[in-house]
Amino acid sequence: MRVFYHDDKPGDCRLPHDSGVELSPTHLSSLGVLHYAFPPSSPSSAAQVEDLAKARAYANRDEITVSPSAMGSVYEDKIKMFYDEHLHEDEEIRYILKGTGYFDVRDAEDRWVRIRAEPGDLLILPAGIYHRFTVDEENYINAMRLFQTQPKWAALNRSGETEVNEFRKNYVSARARGFSA
């Protein structure tokens, strides 16, 4: 995992958009984003993911492959949809099995923080955080998605309505109080 500020320059979202300003995992923690490293090649990784799932009450999971060959003609539309700034009313939990991609999250100053996710990275984005996702130039990622209840993916695109969303307000309040990792 690598964390840095997005350069905010126009262009293909799959490009690195690296501003050159590196950030620490502590910066992610201050935003409520949790990171774990469970290399898929390690024999203990499956048990570690399972232990985390039990501890955080993740009852369901599935896998998603984001690539032109897996998604066919809807691939480019899906990339655009995933890259629209949005929030969820549930945590977003992704364990990267193969491939690479970028999760962008907004910080307290509304700047984009870019997280380069690689195999073995398990990211937990808190409910209510504005974020977006894209694959990188390789156009391939395979990830396990974990859910606290039935699998669902309800994205609420950023708007005046999301600013007063209960989950957004709870997130902003928790960030102001300081998250604990």
N, C-alpha and C. Protein backbone atom coordinates (compact mmCIF):
# COMPACT_ATOMS: atom_id res chain seq x y z
N MET A 1 0.85 -1.17 0.00
CA MET A 1 0.00 0.00 0.00
C MET A 1 0.90 1.23 0.00
N ARG A 2 0.50 2.16 -0.79
CA ARG A 2 1.16 3.46 -0.85
C ARG A 2 0.10 4.52 -0.72
N VAL A 3 0.38 5.60 0.04
CA VAL A 3 -0.61 6.65 0.29
C VAL A 3 0.03 8.00 -0.06
N PHE A 4 -0.71 8.81 -0.84
CA PHE A 4 -0.19 10.11 -1.25
C PHE A 4 -1.37 11.00 -1.64
N TYR A 5 -1.09 12.30 -1.74
CA TYR A 5 -2.12 13.21 -2.24
C TYR A 5 -2.26 13.05 -3.74
N HIS A 6 -3.50 13.03 -4.20
CA HIS A 6 -3.82 13.02 -5.63
C HIS A 6 -3.39 14.37 -6.19
N ASP A 7 -2.90 14.40 -7.42
CA ASP A 7 -2.43 15.66 -8.01
C ASP A 7 -3.56 16.55 -8.51
N ASP A 8 -4.78 16.07 -8.52
CA ASP A 8 -5.96 16.83 -8.95
C ASP A 8 -5.86 17.35 -10.39
N LYS A 9 -5.02 16.74 -11.19
CA LYS A 9 -4.92 17.11 -12.60
C LYS A 9 -5.90 16.27 -13.40
N PRO A 10 -6.44 16.85 -14.47
CA PRO A 10 -7.35 16.07 -15.30
C PRO A 10 -6.61 14.93 -16.00
N GLY A 11 -7.36 13.97 -16.47
CA GLY A 11 -6.76 12.85 -17.19
C GLY A 11 -7.37 11.55 -16.74
N ASP A 12 -6.96 10.50 -17.38
CA ASP A 12 -7.48 9.16 -17.10
C ASP A 12 -7.33 8.85 -15.62
N CYS A 13 -8.42 8.46 -14.98
CA CYS A 13 -8.41 8.16 -13.54
C CYS A 13 -7.49 6.99 -13.21
N ARG A 14 -7.17 6.15 -14.20
CA ARG A 14 -6.34 4.97 -13.97
C ARG A 14 -4.85 5.30 -13.87
N LEU A 15 -4.48 6.53 -14.24
CA LEU A 15 -3.08 6.95 -14.11
C LEU A 15 -2.77 7.23 -12.64
N PRO A 16 -1.50 7.21 -12.25
CA PRO A 16 -1.16 7.37 -10.83
C PRO A 16 -1.63 8.68 -10.20
N HIS A 17 -1.62 9.78 -10.93
CA HIS A 17 -1.99 11.09 -10.38
C HIS A 17 -1.27 11.36 -9.05
N ASP A 18 0.02 11.06 -9.05
CA ASP A 18 0.85 11.20 -7.85
C ASP A 18 1.36 12.63 -7.72
N SER A 19 0.98 13.31 -6.67
CA SER A 19 1.41 14.69 -6.41
C SER A 19 2.86 14.75 -5.93
N GLY A 20 3.40 13.60 -5.53
CA GLY A 20 4.74 13.58 -4.96
C GLY A 20 4.75 13.78 -3.45
N VAL A 21 3.57 14.00 -2.86
CA VAL A 21 3.48 14.19 -1.40
C VAL A 21 3.00 12.88 -0.78
N GLU A 22 3.94 12.15 -0.19
CA GLU A 22 3.64 10.88 0.47
C GLU A 22 2.94 11.13 1.80
N LEU A 23 2.05 10.24 2.16
CA LEU A 23 1.36 10.31 3.44
C LEU A 23 1.57 8.99 4.18
N SER A 24 1.43 9.04 5.48
CA SER A 24 1.66 7.85 6.30
C SER A 24 0.35 7.10 6.55
N PRO A 25 0.45 5.85 6.93
CA PRO A 25 -0.75 5.12 7.34
C PRO A 25 -1.47 5.81 8.51
N THR A 26 -0.72 6.57 9.32
CA THR A 26 -1.33 7.32 10.42
C THR A 26 -2.31 8.35 9.88
N HIS A 27 -1.98 8.94 8.75
CA HIS A 27 -2.90 9.91 8.12
C HIS A 27 -4.21 9.21 7.77
N LEU A 28 -4.12 7.99 7.24
CA LEU A 28 -5.35 7.23 6.95
C LEU A 28 -6.13 6.97 8.21
N SER A 29 -5.44 6.59 9.28
CA SER A 29 -6.12 6.33 10.56
C SER A 29 -6.88 7.55 11.04
N SER A 30 -6.31 8.74 10.81
CA SER A 30 -6.98 9.96 11.25
C SER A 30 -8.28 10.20 10.48
N LEU A 31 -8.41 9.54 9.34
CA LEU A 31 -9.63 9.64 8.53
C LEU A 31 -10.59 8.49 8.81
N GLY A 32 -10.18 7.59 9.71
CA GLY A 32 -11.01 6.44 10.03
C GLY A 32 -10.81 5.26 9.11
N VAL A 33 -9.85 5.36 8.18
CA VAL A 33 -9.56 4.27 7.25
C VAL A 33 -8.58 3.31 7.91
N LEU A 34 -8.94 2.05 7.92
CA LEU A 34 -8.09 1.03 8.52
C LEU A 34 -7.42 0.21 7.42
N HIS A 35 -6.18 -0.21 7.67
CA HIS A 35 -5.43 -1.02 6.71
C HIS A 35 -4.80 -2.21 7.43
N TYR A 36 -4.91 -3.36 6.79
CA TYR A 36 -4.27 -4.58 7.27
C TYR A 36 -3.52 -5.19 6.09
N ALA A 37 -2.42 -5.87 6.36
CA ALA A 37 -1.65 -6.54 5.33
C ALA A 37 -1.71 -8.05 5.57
N PHE A 38 -2.40 -8.75 4.68
CA PHE A 38 -2.54 -10.21 4.74
C PHE A 38 -2.16 -10.77 3.37
N PRO A 39 -0.85 -10.95 3.11
CA PRO A 39 -0.43 -11.42 1.78
C PRO A 39 -1.15 -12.72 1.39
N PRO A 40 -1.83 -12.72 0.23
CA PRO A 40 -2.58 -13.91 -0.17
C PRO A 40 -1.72 -15.17 -0.27
N SER A 41 -0.41 -15.01 -0.50
CA SER A 41 0.48 -16.16 -0.62
C SER A 41 0.83 -16.78 0.73
N SER A 42 0.56 -16.07 1.82
CA SER A 42 0.88 -16.57 3.15
C SER A 42 -0.18 -17.57 3.61
N PRO A 43 0.25 -18.72 4.13
CA PRO A 43 -0.71 -19.72 4.60
C PRO A 43 -1.63 -19.22 5.72
N SER A 44 -1.19 -18.21 6.48
CA SER A 44 -2.00 -17.72 7.60
C SER A 44 -3.00 -16.64 7.19
N SER A 45 -2.91 -16.13 5.97
CA SER A 45 -3.76 -15.01 5.56
C SER A 45 -5.25 -15.32 5.62
N ALA A 46 -5.65 -16.49 5.15
CA ALA A 46 -7.08 -16.84 5.17
C ALA A 46 -7.60 -16.81 6.61
N ALA A 47 -6.83 -17.35 7.54
CA ALA A 47 -7.25 -17.36 8.95
C ALA A 47 -7.28 -15.94 9.52
N GLN A 48 -6.32 -15.10 9.12
CA GLN A 48 -6.30 -13.72 9.59
C GLN A 48 -7.52 -12.94 9.09
N VAL A 49 -7.87 -13.13 7.83
CA VAL A 49 -9.06 -12.47 7.28
C VAL A 49 -10.29 -12.98 8.02
N GLU A 50 -10.35 -14.27 8.25
CA GLU A 50 -11.50 -14.85 8.95
C GLU A 50 -11.60 -14.31 10.38
N ASP A 51 -10.49 -14.20 11.08
CA ASP A 51 -10.49 -13.66 12.44
C ASP A 51 -10.98 -12.20 12.45
N LEU A 52 -10.50 -11.40 11.49
CA LEU A 52 -10.94 -10.01 11.40
C LEU A 52 -12.44 -9.95 11.09
N ALA A 53 -12.89 -10.81 10.19
CA ALA A 53 -14.31 -10.84 9.83
C ALA A 53 -15.17 -11.16 11.05
N LYS A 54 -14.75 -12.11 11.84
CA LYS A 54 -15.50 -12.46 13.06
C LYS A 54 -15.48 -11.31 14.07
N ALA A 55 -14.31 -10.72 14.27
CA ALA A 55 -14.16 -9.64 15.25
C ALA A 55 -15.02 -8.42 14.89
N ARG A 56 -15.19 -8.18 13.59
CA ARG A 56 -15.94 -7.00 13.14
C ARG A 56 -17.35 -7.35 12.67
N ALA A 57 -17.75 -8.59 12.90
CA ALA A 57 -19.11 -9.07 12.56
C ALA A 57 -19.43 -8.96 11.08
N TYR A 58 -18.46 -9.32 10.24
CA TYR A 58 -18.72 -9.39 8.80
C TYR A 58 -19.28 -10.78 8.51
N ALA A 59 -20.54 -10.82 8.19
CA ALA A 59 -21.25 -12.09 8.05
C ALA A 59 -21.23 -12.65 6.64
N ASN A 60 -21.00 -11.80 5.65
CA ASN A 60 -21.06 -12.25 4.26
C ASN A 60 -19.86 -11.74 3.48
N ARG A 61 -19.60 -12.39 2.36
CA ARG A 61 -18.52 -11.97 1.47
C ARG A 61 -18.77 -12.49 0.07
N ASP A 62 -18.14 -11.82 -0.87
CA ASP A 62 -18.14 -12.30 -2.24
C ASP A 62 -16.84 -11.83 -2.88
N GLU A 63 -16.65 -12.15 -4.15
CA GLU A 63 -15.48 -11.69 -4.88
C GLU A 63 -15.94 -10.92 -6.10
N ILE A 64 -15.16 -9.93 -6.46
CA ILE A 64 -15.43 -9.16 -7.66
C ILE A 64 -14.13 -9.05 -8.46
N THR A 65 -14.27 -9.21 -9.75
CA THR A 65 -13.16 -8.98 -10.66
C THR A 65 -13.56 -7.82 -11.55
N VAL A 66 -12.74 -6.79 -11.53
CA VAL A 66 -12.97 -5.61 -12.36
C VAL A 66 -11.91 -5.64 -13.46
N SER A 67 -12.36 -5.97 -14.66
CA SER A 67 -11.48 -6.02 -15.83
C SER A 67 -12.34 -6.04 -17.08
N PRO A 68 -11.77 -5.66 -18.22
CA PRO A 68 -12.55 -5.72 -19.46
C PRO A 68 -13.03 -7.13 -19.78
N SER A 69 -12.20 -8.13 -19.54
CA SER A 69 -12.61 -9.50 -19.88
C SER A 69 -13.70 -10.02 -18.94
N ALA A 70 -13.68 -9.59 -17.68
CA ALA A 70 -14.70 -10.06 -16.72
C ALA A 70 -16.02 -9.32 -16.88
N MET A 71 -15.97 -8.06 -17.30
CA MET A 71 -17.17 -7.22 -17.33
C MET A 71 -17.70 -6.94 -18.74
N GLY A 72 -16.88 -7.22 -19.72
CA GLY A 72 -17.34 -7.05 -21.09
C GLY A 72 -17.67 -5.61 -21.44
N SER A 73 -18.76 -5.44 -22.15
CA SER A 73 -19.13 -4.13 -22.70
C SER A 73 -19.49 -3.08 -21.66
N VAL A 74 -19.76 -3.50 -20.43
CA VAL A 74 -20.12 -2.53 -19.39
C VAL A 74 -18.91 -2.03 -18.60
N TYR A 75 -17.72 -2.53 -18.94
CA TYR A 75 -16.51 -2.21 -18.17
C TYR A 75 -16.28 -0.71 -18.02
N GLU A 76 -16.22 0.03 -19.10
CA GLU A 76 -15.93 1.47 -19.01
C GLU A 76 -17.01 2.20 -18.22
N ASP A 77 -18.28 1.82 -18.39
CA ASP A 77 -19.36 2.44 -17.60
C ASP A 77 -19.19 2.15 -16.11
N LYS A 78 -18.79 0.94 -15.77
CA LYS A 78 -18.57 0.59 -14.36
C LYS A 78 -17.41 1.39 -13.77
N ILE A 79 -16.33 1.53 -14.54
CA ILE A 79 -15.19 2.32 -14.05
C ILE A 79 -15.64 3.74 -13.75
N LYS A 80 -16.42 4.33 -14.65
CA LYS A 80 -16.93 5.69 -14.43
C LYS A 80 -17.83 5.74 -13.20
N MET A 81 -18.67 4.75 -13.02
CA MET A 81 -19.57 4.71 -11.87
C MET A 81 -18.79 4.59 -10.55
N PHE A 82 -17.81 3.67 -10.51
CA PHE A 82 -17.00 3.49 -9.30
C PHE A 82 -16.22 4.77 -8.98
N TYR A 83 -15.88 5.55 -10.02
CA TYR A 83 -15.05 6.74 -9.83
C TYR A 83 -15.86 7.99 -9.48
N ASP A 84 -17.17 7.92 -9.58
CA ASP A 84 -17.99 9.04 -9.12
C ASP A 84 -17.85 9.14 -7.60
N GLU A 85 -17.64 10.35 -7.10
CA GLU A 85 -17.50 10.55 -5.66
C GLU A 85 -18.80 10.17 -4.96
N HIS A 86 -18.69 9.32 -3.95
CA HIS A 86 -19.88 8.82 -3.26
C HIS A 86 -19.55 8.43 -1.83
N LEU A 87 -20.59 8.06 -1.10
CA LEU A 87 -20.44 7.48 0.23
C LEU A 87 -21.36 6.27 0.32
N HIS A 88 -21.13 5.48 1.35
CA HIS A 88 -22.00 4.34 1.66
C HIS A 88 -22.47 4.48 3.10
N GLU A 89 -23.59 3.88 3.39
CA GLU A 89 -24.11 3.88 4.75
C GLU A 89 -23.61 2.67 5.53
N ASP A 90 -22.71 1.92 4.95
CA ASP A 90 -22.05 0.78 5.58
C ASP A 90 -20.55 0.95 5.36
N GLU A 91 -19.76 0.26 6.18
CA GLU A 91 -18.32 0.23 5.91
C GLU A 91 -18.10 -0.40 4.53
N GLU A 92 -17.05 0.02 3.88
CA GLU A 92 -16.64 -0.64 2.63
C GLU A 92 -15.37 -1.40 2.95
N ILE A 93 -15.41 -2.72 2.81
CA ILE A 93 -14.29 -3.58 3.16
C ILE A 93 -13.84 -4.31 1.91
N ARG A 94 -12.56 -4.14 1.55
CA ARG A 94 -12.02 -4.77 0.36
C ARG A 94 -10.68 -5.40 0.69
N TYR A 95 -10.56 -6.69 0.34
CA TYR A 95 -9.32 -7.44 0.50
C TYR A 95 -8.82 -7.75 -0.91
N ILE A 96 -7.68 -7.19 -1.28
CA ILE A 96 -7.17 -7.31 -2.63
C ILE A 96 -6.45 -8.66 -2.78
N LEU A 97 -6.95 -9.46 -3.71
CA LEU A 97 -6.39 -10.79 -3.95
C LEU A 97 -5.39 -10.78 -5.10
N LYS A 98 -5.73 -10.09 -6.17
CA LYS A 98 -4.86 -9.99 -7.35
C LYS A 98 -5.06 -8.62 -7.98
N GLY A 99 -4.03 -8.15 -8.68
CA GLY A 99 -4.15 -6.88 -9.38
C GLY A 99 -3.95 -5.70 -8.45
N THR A 100 -4.16 -4.51 -9.01
CA THR A 100 -3.95 -3.28 -8.26
C THR A 100 -4.99 -2.24 -8.64
N GLY A 101 -5.18 -1.30 -7.75
CA GLY A 101 -6.12 -0.22 -8.01
C GLY A 101 -5.93 0.90 -7.02
N TYR A 102 -6.77 1.92 -7.17
CA TYR A 102 -6.68 3.10 -6.31
C TYR A 102 -8.01 3.35 -5.62
N PHE A 103 -7.94 3.57 -4.31
CA PHE A 103 -9.06 4.09 -3.54
C PHE A 103 -8.69 5.52 -3.19
N ASP A 104 -9.55 6.46 -3.53
CA ASP A 104 -9.35 7.86 -3.17
C ASP A 104 -10.36 8.19 -2.09
N VAL A 105 -9.89 8.84 -1.02
CA VAL A 105 -10.77 9.27 0.07
C VAL A 105 -10.54 10.75 0.32
N ARG A 106 -11.57 11.44 0.78
CA ARG A 106 -11.45 12.86 1.10
C ARG A 106 -10.91 13.01 2.52
N ASP A 107 -9.98 13.95 2.69
CA ASP A 107 -9.48 14.22 4.03
C ASP A 107 -10.28 15.36 4.66
N ALA A 108 -9.87 15.80 5.83
CA ALA A 108 -10.62 16.82 6.57
C ALA A 108 -10.64 18.16 5.84
N GLU A 109 -9.67 18.40 4.95
CA GLU A 109 -9.63 19.64 4.17
C GLU A 109 -10.25 19.44 2.78
N ASP A 110 -10.91 18.31 2.58
CA ASP A 110 -11.59 17.97 1.34
C ASP A 110 -10.62 17.71 0.18
N ARG A 111 -9.37 17.35 0.50
CA ARG A 111 -8.39 16.98 -0.53
C ARG A 111 -8.48 15.48 -0.77
N TRP A 112 -8.17 15.07 -1.99
CA TRP A 112 -8.16 13.65 -2.30
C TRP A 112 -6.86 13.01 -1.81
N VAL A 113 -7.00 11.96 -1.03
CA VAL A 113 -5.89 11.12 -0.60
C VAL A 113 -6.00 9.84 -1.42
N ARG A 114 -4.93 9.49 -2.13
CA ARG A 114 -4.95 8.31 -3.01
C ARG A 114 -4.23 7.16 -2.31
N ILE A 115 -4.89 6.01 -2.31
CA ILE A 115 -4.34 4.79 -1.71
C ILE A 115 -4.14 3.79 -2.83
N ARG A 116 -2.89 3.41 -3.07
CA ARG A 116 -2.61 2.38 -4.07
C ARG A 116 -2.71 1.04 -3.36
N ALA A 117 -3.71 0.27 -3.73
CA ALA A 117 -3.97 -1.02 -3.09
C ALA A 117 -3.41 -2.15 -3.95
N GLU A 118 -2.74 -3.07 -3.29
CA GLU A 118 -2.07 -4.20 -3.94
C GLU A 118 -2.50 -5.50 -3.28
N PRO A 119 -2.16 -6.65 -3.88
CA PRO A 119 -2.52 -7.92 -3.26
C PRO A 119 -2.06 -7.99 -1.80
N GLY A 120 -2.98 -8.39 -0.95
CA GLY A 120 -2.72 -8.51 0.47
C GLY A 120 -3.23 -7.34 1.29
N ASP A 121 -3.55 -6.23 0.64
CA ASP A 121 -4.08 -5.08 1.36
C ASP A 121 -5.56 -5.31 1.67
N LEU A 122 -5.92 -5.13 2.91
CA LEU A 122 -7.32 -5.16 3.32
C LEU A 122 -7.63 -3.76 3.85
N LEU A 123 -8.54 -3.08 3.19
CA LEU A 123 -8.92 -1.72 3.55
C LEU A 123 -10.34 -1.69 4.09
N ILE A 124 -10.54 -0.91 5.12
CA ILE A 124 -11.87 -0.68 5.67
C ILE A 124 -12.11 0.81 5.65
N LEU A 125 -13.06 1.23 4.81
CA LEU A 125 -13.46 2.64 4.73
C LEU A 125 -14.70 2.80 5.58
N PRO A 126 -14.71 3.78 6.48
CA PRO A 126 -15.87 3.94 7.36
C PRO A 126 -17.11 4.42 6.60
N ALA A 127 -18.26 4.06 7.13
CA ALA A 127 -19.52 4.56 6.59
C ALA A 127 -19.47 6.09 6.63
N GLY A 128 -19.96 6.71 5.55
CA GLY A 128 -20.06 8.17 5.52
C GLY A 128 -18.87 8.90 4.95
N ILE A 129 -17.76 8.20 4.63
CA ILE A 129 -16.60 8.88 4.05
C ILE A 129 -16.81 9.01 2.54
N TYR A 130 -16.50 10.18 2.01
CA TYR A 130 -16.54 10.34 0.55
C TYR A 130 -15.33 9.64 -0.05
N HIS A 131 -15.57 8.89 -1.09
CA HIS A 131 -14.50 8.13 -1.73
C HIS A 131 -14.87 7.79 -3.16
N ARG A 132 -13.91 7.16 -3.83
CA ARG A 132 -14.09 6.65 -5.19
C ARG A 132 -13.03 5.58 -5.42
N PHE A 133 -13.20 4.81 -6.48
CA PHE A 133 -12.29 3.71 -6.77
C PHE A 133 -12.03 3.62 -8.26
N THR A 134 -10.84 3.18 -8.60
CA THR A 134 -10.52 2.84 -9.98
C THR A 134 -9.40 1.80 -10.01
N VAL A 135 -9.37 1.03 -11.06
CA VAL A 135 -8.22 0.17 -11.30
C VAL A 135 -7.09 1.06 -11.79
N ASP A 136 -5.89 0.49 -11.92
CA ASP A 136 -4.79 1.27 -12.49
C ASP A 136 -4.68 0.96 -13.99
N GLU A 137 -3.55 1.28 -14.57
CA GLU A 137 -3.38 1.12 -16.02
C GLU A 137 -3.41 -0.34 -16.48
N GLU A 138 -3.27 -1.28 -15.56
CA GLU A 138 -3.35 -2.70 -15.93
C GLU A 138 -4.80 -3.15 -16.14
N ASN A 139 -5.75 -2.34 -15.70
CA ASN A 139 -7.18 -2.64 -15.90
C ASN A 139 -7.60 -3.99 -15.32
N TYR A 140 -7.06 -4.30 -14.13
CA TYR A 140 -7.43 -5.59 -13.51
C TYR A 140 -7.27 -5.53 -12.01
N ILE A 141 -8.32 -5.94 -11.33
CA ILE A 141 -8.24 -6.17 -9.88
C ILE A 141 -9.25 -7.25 -9.52
N ASN A 142 -8.86 -8.09 -8.60
CA ASN A 142 -9.74 -9.13 -8.04
C ASN A 142 -9.73 -8.93 -6.53
N ALA A 143 -10.91 -8.72 -5.96
CA ALA A 143 -10.99 -8.41 -4.53
C ALA A 143 -12.12 -9.17 -3.87
N MET A 144 -11.91 -9.48 -2.62
CA MET A 144 -12.97 -10.01 -1.78
C MET A 144 -13.66 -8.81 -1.15
N ARG A 145 -14.99 -8.82 -1.21
CA ARG A 145 -15.77 -7.78 -0.54
C ARG A 145 -16.41 -8.44 0.67
N LEU A 146 -16.28 -7.80 1.82
CA LEU A 146 -16.88 -8.31 3.05
C LEU A 146 -17.99 -7.38 3.47
N PHE A 147 -19.05 -7.95 4.05
CA PHE A 147 -20.24 -7.18 4.41
C PHE A 147 -20.71 -7.59 5.81
N GLN A 148 -21.25 -6.63 6.55
CA GLN A 148 -21.80 -6.94 7.87
C GLN A 148 -23.15 -7.62 7.76
N THR A 149 -23.89 -7.33 6.71
CA THR A 149 -25.20 -7.97 6.50
C THR A 149 -25.20 -8.59 5.12
N GLN A 150 -26.33 -8.62 4.47
CA GLN A 150 -26.41 -9.16 3.12
C GLN A 150 -25.57 -8.31 2.18
N PRO A 151 -24.90 -8.94 1.22
CA PRO A 151 -24.12 -8.15 0.27
C PRO A 151 -24.97 -7.09 -0.42
N LYS A 152 -24.46 -5.85 -0.35
CA LYS A 152 -25.13 -4.76 -1.04
C LYS A 152 -24.10 -3.70 -1.36
N TRP A 153 -24.40 -2.91 -2.34
CA TRP A 153 -23.50 -1.84 -2.73
C TRP A 153 -24.38 -0.67 -3.12
N ALA A 154 -24.75 0.12 -2.15
CA ALA A 154 -25.61 1.28 -2.40
C ALA A 154 -24.75 2.53 -2.28
N ALA A 155 -24.41 3.11 -3.44
CA ALA A 155 -23.60 4.32 -3.46
C ALA A 155 -24.51 5.54 -3.51
N LEU A 156 -24.21 6.51 -2.66
CA LEU A 156 -24.93 7.78 -2.66
C LEU A 156 -23.96 8.84 -3.16
N ASN A 157 -24.15 9.28 -4.40
CA ASN A 157 -23.26 10.27 -4.98
C ASN A 157 -23.32 11.57 -4.20
N ARG A 158 -22.17 12.22 -4.08
CA ARG A 158 -22.06 13.44 -3.28
C ARG A 158 -23.03 14.51 -3.79
N SER A 159 -23.76 15.09 -2.84
CA SER A 159 -24.75 16.13 -3.14
C SER A 159 -25.07 16.85 -1.83
N GLY A 160 -25.90 17.85 -1.92
CA GLY A 160 -26.36 18.52 -0.71
C GLY A 160 -27.09 17.56 0.20
N GLU A 161 -27.76 16.59 -0.40
CA GLU A 161 -28.50 15.60 0.38
C GLU A 161 -27.56 14.70 1.19
N THR A 162 -26.41 14.33 0.61
CA THR A 162 -25.50 13.47 1.37
C THR A 162 -24.82 14.23 2.51
N GLU A 163 -24.71 15.54 2.37
CA GLU A 163 -24.09 16.33 3.44
C GLU A 163 -24.90 16.25 4.73
N VAL A 164 -26.20 16.05 4.64
CA VAL A 164 -27.04 15.95 5.84
C VAL A 164 -27.45 14.51 6.13
N ASN A 165 -26.87 13.57 5.40
CA ASN A 165 -27.12 12.15 5.63
C ASN A 165 -26.63 11.78 7.04
N GLU A 166 -27.40 11.01 7.76
CA GLU A 166 -27.07 10.61 9.13
C GLU A 166 -25.69 9.96 9.21
N PHE A 167 -25.34 9.10 8.25
CA PHE A 167 -24.07 8.40 8.28
C PHE A 167 -22.91 9.35 8.00
N ARG A 168 -23.14 10.33 7.13
CA ARG A 168 -22.12 11.35 6.85
C ARG A 168 -21.89 12.21 8.09
N LYS A 169 -22.97 12.63 8.73
CA LYS A 169 -22.84 13.45 9.94
C LYS A 169 -22.13 12.68 11.05
N ASN A 170 -22.45 11.40 11.19
CA ASN A 170 -21.77 10.57 12.20
C ASN A 170 -20.28 10.45 11.89
N TYR A 171 -19.95 10.29 10.61
CA TYR A 171 -18.55 10.19 10.21
C TYR A 171 -17.80 11.49 10.54
N VAL A 172 -18.36 12.62 10.15
CA VAL A 172 -17.72 13.91 10.39
C VAL A 172 -17.53 14.13 11.89
N SER A 173 -18.52 13.77 12.68
CA SER A 173 -18.43 13.92 14.14
C SER A 173 -17.33 13.03 14.71
N ALA A 174 -17.27 11.77 14.25
CA ALA A 174 -16.24 10.84 14.74
C ALA A 174 -14.84 11.32 14.34
N ARG A 175 -14.71 11.83 13.13
CA ARG A 175 -13.40 12.35 12.68
C ARG A 175 -12.98 13.54 13.54
N ALA A 176 -13.94 14.41 13.87
CA ALA A 176 -13.63 15.58 14.71
C ALA A 176 -13.17 15.17 16.10
N ARG A 177 -13.74 14.07 16.61
CA ARG A 177 -13.33 13.57 17.93
C ARG A 177 -12.02 12.81 17.87
N GLY A 178 -11.65 12.35 16.69
CA GLY A 178 -10.42 11.57 16.52
C GLY A 178 -10.71 10.09 16.52
N PHE A 179 -10.39 9.44 15.43
CA PHE A 179 -10.58 8.00 15.34
C PHE A 179 -9.49 7.30 16.12
N SER A 180 -9.79 6.13 16.60
CA SER A 180 -8.75 5.29 17.20
C SER A 180 -8.56 4.09 16.28
N ALA A 181 -7.33 3.74 16.04
CA ALA A 181 -7.01 2.65 15.10
C ALA A 181 -7.17 1.30 15.76
